[in-house]
Every structure is written in C-alpha cells, then in structure tokens.
C-alpha cells in the first residue's frame, strides 16, 4: 500500500481519491488546499495544510507520493505546482484497472486516467495529464504535459496535442492534427485542421472564439 496526498480537496481531488480507493489497495491520506482550514475532514481525509506545506509534510514521512487534483480552470497553476514539486517529491500515476492500455503506451508521472478510457498503440501521455471517463486516444498520438481531457472526447491517430490544452466533453479531433499549447477545445467541437493559435475553439468545424 502506498500513501497518497492530493493537492486540491475540491470535487476533482475527491473524485481521484474515490477511484484510487475503489480500484487499488493504496490510500489517500491527506489533502493540501490553500482554501480549506487545516484539520478539515473531506470524506474522512484530512486537509493537513496549504500548498506551501507539501514539502515539509513529505519530509515528516506523512505520505509516499503526490497527485494534483486541480481542475481545468487553473491550468497554469497545475503546471506550476507540478514543476515546483517534481524534483523533490515522487508523483503517483493512477490508471484505473478498466482502462485499455496497449503495451506500447507511455504514461508520464502524476497522470490520472479515469475508468473506461482507451489508449491505443504507441500513444504517449505526458506528465500531470488528467483523462476523464471514457476518453479515447488512438494510435501514435501524443498528449503533452499538463493537459486535461474531458469525458468521452475522441482523439484520432497521429495527433499531437501540446502542453496545457483542454479538450472538452465529446470533442473530436481527426487524424494528423497538431494543436498548439494552451488551447481549449470546447465541448462537442470537431477539429479538422491544425490549430496554430492558442485560444478557445468551438463548433463543427472548430472556429476560434477568443
């Protein structure tokens, strides 16, 4: 059993803790959250301090590895926390047992893959990526660090998604597409050509909004 701490005690952190407890013998033993009072119990898991307390608590042997449970509205913060901690604290990688993972797939540290996902041949998932329920990434596609993939999105083969991108619920990205860093693909959007300018894209076909 490994003892896991999660940065962020909101709904996303709670969901991650739930899946870890339901699917593994590992145990989430602590949350870190700047917006919760130290000592607060969240579904029986204590908030042991703010984000600046992570290193000190690890040095006290309070946990074995950490995950980031911060959502898609705070993408730069997700990256910042990861890069601050990655050289001093081990990151936990969670892949639910129901996920189809081809033996050739590579998954980076600190990434979370929810139930029902599919990762095909030669897929690469970067560090600190969250892939929500029932998503699909087809063969030879690369998902960059710190991305957030929403439920039931579908990415075809030979797609390259750069870091800090959000792919919305039920969005579709056809094959041989490149998406520049810090891009948000809205729910239900269909991407049929490369995205070379960061921003928000929605519609079928995808169009730049802002």
Foldseek 3Di string as FASTA:
>chain_A
DFEEEEEDLPPQVVVLQVLCVVAHPYHHAEYADPPDDAQDARVNHGHHYHLVCVLVCVVVVVGQAYAYRDDLVPLVVLVVSCVVPVVPGFADEEAGPQEADPPQEAAEGREYEEHQEYEEANEYHYHREYAYHNEYAYHQEYAEYSEYEEHHEYEYHQEYEYHSEYEEAPEYEYHNEYEDYQAYEYHNEYDDHYHDDHAYWYDVPTDHDD
